[in-house]
Amino acid sequence: MADSNAVSINIMGKDYLVACSADEKRELLRSADYLNRKMCEIRDSGKIIGTDRIAVMAALNITHELLNQENKGVVDDSQHAIRDRIMSLSNKIEDALYKSRQVEI
């Protein structure tokens, strides 16, 4: 990846380093902020315990939101590109979470 560098993101009080290019940094930070808010909402509801379960529920909720937009026909080509970018960023965050979990063990 050209211009690759590590960006620090914070999800539910934990910092993660995620590699991304300089031109993707803003999108990554926005995505991380959105994910953090969704995960904190789920955690604060008290219905789900455990970071892994909270992350899965947040992913399901975000995916549901995206698919509902597609089903309503409000998704254009730029939103498809955004969806693809979200999936890419999600994979990077998932990798960072996995690596962090390995360090804790």
C-alpha atoms as a PDB file:
ATOM      1  CA  MET A   1       0.000   0.000   0.000  1.00  0.00           C
ATOM      2  CA  ALA A   2       1.546   3.338  -1.032  1.00  0.00           C
ATOM      3  CA  ASP A   3       1.955   5.949   1.712  1.00  0.00           C
ATOM      4  CA  SER A   4       1.037   3.332   4.273  1.00  0.00           C
ATOM      5  CA  ASN A   5       1.203   4.316   7.916  1.00  0.00           C
ATOM      6  CA  ALA A   6      -0.387   3.296  11.165  1.00  0.00           C
ATOM      7  CA  VAL A   7      -3.378   5.233  12.426  1.00  0.00           C
ATOM      8  CA  SER A   8      -4.463   4.945  16.031  1.00  0.00           C
ATOM      9  CA  ILE A   9      -8.182   4.418  16.550  1.00  0.00           C
ATOM     10  CA  ASN A  10     -10.080   4.001  19.792  1.00  0.00           C
ATOM     11  CA  ILE A  11     -12.910   1.512  20.136  1.00  0.00           C
ATOM     12  CA  MET A  12     -14.639   1.233  23.509  1.00  0.00           C
ATOM     13  CA  GLY A  13     -11.634   2.627  25.366  1.00  0.00           C
ATOM     14  CA  LYS A  14      -9.010   0.482  23.644  1.00  0.00           C
ATOM     15  CA  ASP A  15      -6.513   1.827  21.151  1.00  0.00           C
ATOM     16  CA  TYR A  16      -5.741  -0.045  17.949  1.00  0.00           C
ATOM     17  CA  LEU A  17      -3.184   0.676  15.244  1.00  0.00           C
ATOM     18  CA  VAL A  18      -4.557   0.202  11.744  1.00  0.00           C
ATOM     19  CA  ALA A  19      -2.480   0.557   8.590  1.00  0.00           C
ATOM     20  CA  CYS A  20      -3.976   2.792   5.952  1.00  0.00           C
ATOM     21  CA  SER A  21      -2.822   5.280   3.363  1.00  0.00           C
ATOM     22  CA  ALA A  22      -2.840   8.977   4.172  1.00  0.00           C
ATOM     23  CA  ASP A  23      -5.748   9.624   1.793  1.00  0.00           C
ATOM     24  CA  GLU A  24      -7.864   7.002   3.618  1.00  0.00           C
ATOM     25  CA  LYS A  25      -7.141   8.261   7.147  1.00  0.00           C
ATOM     26  CA  ARG A  26     -10.189  10.549   7.373  1.00  0.00           C
ATOM     27  CA  GLU A  27     -12.544   7.764   6.264  1.00  0.00           C
ATOM     28  CA  LEU A  28     -10.966   5.326   8.704  1.00  0.00           C
ATOM     29  CA  LEU A  29     -11.355   7.747  11.619  1.00  0.00           C
ATOM     30  CA  ARG A  30     -14.996   8.428  10.696  1.00  0.00           C
ATOM     31  CA  SER A  31     -15.683   4.703  10.390  1.00  0.00           C
ATOM     32  CA  ALA A  32     -13.992   3.976  13.713  1.00  0.00           C
ATOM     33  CA  ASP A  33     -15.979   6.745  15.406  1.00  0.00           C
ATOM     34  CA  TYR A  34     -19.242   5.366  14.000  1.00  0.00           C
ATOM     35  CA  LEU A  35     -18.351   1.821  15.054  1.00  0.00           C
ATOM     36  CA  ASN A  36     -17.341   3.033  18.512  1.00  0.00           C
ATOM     37  CA  ARG A  37     -20.670   4.820  18.973  1.00  0.00           C
ATOM     38  CA  LYS A  38     -22.636   1.754  17.847  1.00  0.00           C
ATOM     39  CA  MET A  39     -20.653  -0.584  20.099  1.00  0.00           C
ATOM     40  CA  CYS A  40     -21.017   1.746  23.092  1.00  0.00           C
ATOM     41  CA  GLU A  41     -24.782   1.960  22.508  1.00  0.00           C
ATOM     42  CA  ILE A  42     -24.995  -1.840  22.555  1.00  0.00           C
ATOM     43  CA  ARG A  43     -22.743  -2.110  25.620  1.00  0.00           C
ATOM     44  CA  ASP A  44     -24.701   0.595  27.464  1.00  0.00           C
ATOM     45  CA  SER A  45     -27.996  -1.185  26.806  1.00  0.00           C
ATOM     46  CA  GLY A  46     -26.712  -3.907  29.148  1.00  0.00           C
ATOM     47  CA  LYS A  47     -28.250  -6.675  27.064  1.00  0.00           C
ATOM     48  CA  ILE A  48     -24.997  -7.981  25.605  1.00  0.00           C
ATOM     49  CA  ILE A  49     -21.790  -8.671  27.494  1.00  0.00           C
ATOM     50  CA  GLY A  50     -18.336  -9.185  26.015  1.00  0.00           C
ATOM     51  CA  THR A  51     -16.457  -7.157  23.451  1.00  0.00           C
ATOM     52  CA  ASP A  52     -16.590  -9.897  20.823  1.00  0.00           C
ATOM     53  CA  ARG A  53     -20.367 -10.236  21.080  1.00  0.00           C
ATOM     54  CA  ILE A  54     -20.826  -6.475  21.090  1.00  0.00           C
ATOM     55  CA  ALA A  55     -18.652  -6.206  17.953  1.00  0.00           C
ATOM     56  CA  VAL A  56     -20.682  -8.890  16.174  1.00  0.00           C
ATOM     57  CA  MET A  57     -23.976  -7.205  17.075  1.00  0.00           C
ATOM     58  CA  ALA A  58     -22.644  -3.827  15.912  1.00  0.00           C
ATOM     59  CA  ALA A  59     -21.511  -5.401  12.627  1.00  0.00           C
ATOM     60  CA  LEU A  60     -24.935  -6.973  12.154  1.00  0.00           C
ATOM     61  CA  ASN A  61     -26.700  -3.679  12.899  1.00  0.00           C
ATOM     62  CA  ILE A  62     -24.485  -1.694  10.546  1.00  0.00           C
ATOM     63  CA  THR A  63     -24.893  -4.294   7.802  1.00  0.00           C
ATOM     64  CA  HIS A  64     -28.656  -4.243   8.319  1.00  0.00           C
ATOM     65  CA  GLU A  65     -28.668  -0.440   7.945  1.00  0.00           C
ATOM     66  CA  LEU A  66     -26.675  -0.689   4.726  1.00  0.00           C
ATOM     67  CA  LEU A  67     -28.825  -3.442   3.241  1.00  0.00           C
ATOM     68  CA  ASN A  68     -32.013  -1.544   4.106  1.00  0.00           C
ATOM     69  CA  GLN A  69     -30.692   1.433   2.161  1.00  0.00           C
ATOM     70  CA  GLU A  70     -29.940  -0.843  -0.798  1.00  0.00           C
ATOM     71  CA  ASN A  71     -33.397  -2.432  -0.634  1.00  0.00           C
ATOM     72  CA  LYS A  72     -35.036   1.000  -0.620  1.00  0.00           C
ATOM     73  CA  GLY A  73     -33.133   1.893  -3.775  1.00  0.00           C
ATOM     74  CA  VAL A  74     -31.292   4.806  -2.201  1.00  0.00           C
ATOM     75  CA  VAL A  75     -27.884   3.350  -2.942  1.00  0.00           C
ATOM     76  CA  ASP A  76     -26.061   4.758  -5.953  1.00  0.00           C
ATOM     77  CA  ASP A  77     -22.619   3.927  -7.337  1.00  0.00           C
ATOM     78  CA  SER A  78     -20.838   6.149  -4.819  1.00  0.00           C
ATOM     79  CA  GLN A  79     -22.610   4.353  -1.970  1.00  0.00           C
ATOM     80  CA  HIS A  80     -21.504   1.003  -3.398  1.00  0.00           C
ATOM     81  CA  ALA A  81     -17.953   2.333  -3.313  1.00  0.00           C
ATOM     82  CA  ILE A  82     -18.516   3.457   0.273  1.00  0.00           C
ATOM     83  CA  ARG A  83     -19.865   0.007   1.157  1.00  0.00           C
ATOM     84  CA  ASP A  84     -16.792  -1.617  -0.340  1.00  0.00           C
ATOM     85  CA  ARG A  85     -14.561   0.796   1.567  1.00  0.00           C
ATOM     86  CA  ILE A  86     -16.420   0.081   4.823  1.00  0.00           C
ATOM     87  CA  MET A  87     -15.908  -3.624   4.272  1.00  0.00           C
ATOM     88  CA  SER A  88     -12.193  -3.050   3.686  1.00  0.00           C
ATOM     89  CA  LEU A  89     -11.877  -0.890   6.804  1.00  0.00           C
ATOM     90  CA  SER A  90     -13.922  -3.398   8.781  1.00  0.00           C
ATOM     91  CA  ASN A  91     -11.493  -6.135   7.788  1.00  0.00           C
ATOM     92  CA  LYS A  92      -8.553  -3.987   8.886  1.00  0.00           C
ATOM     93  CA  ILE A  93     -10.216  -3.276  12.239  1.00  0.00           C
ATOM     94  CA  GLU A  94     -11.045  -6.953  12.658  1.00  0.00           C
ATOM     95  CA  ASP A  95      -7.394  -7.835  12.013  1.00  0.00           C
ATOM     96  CA  ALA A  96      -6.268  -5.257  14.583  1.00  0.00           C
ATOM     97  CA  LEU A  97      -8.744  -6.649  17.128  1.00  0.00           C
ATOM     98  CA  TYR A  98      -7.498 -10.178  16.453  1.00  0.00           C
ATOM     99  CA  LYS A  99      -3.862  -9.159  16.833  1.00  0.00           C
ATOM    100  CA  SER A 100      -4.705  -7.296  20.042  1.00  0.00           C
ATOM    101  CA  ARG A 101      -6.459 -10.370  21.411  1.00  0.00           C
ATOM    102  CA  GLN A 102      -3.377 -12.471  20.646  1.00  0.00           C
ATOM    103  CA  VAL A 103      -1.226 -10.075  22.667  1.00  0.00           C
ATOM    104  CA  GLU A 104      -3.598 -10.314  25.642  1.00  0.00           C
ATOM    105  CA  ILE A 105      -3.468 -14.107  25.663  1.00  0.00           C
END
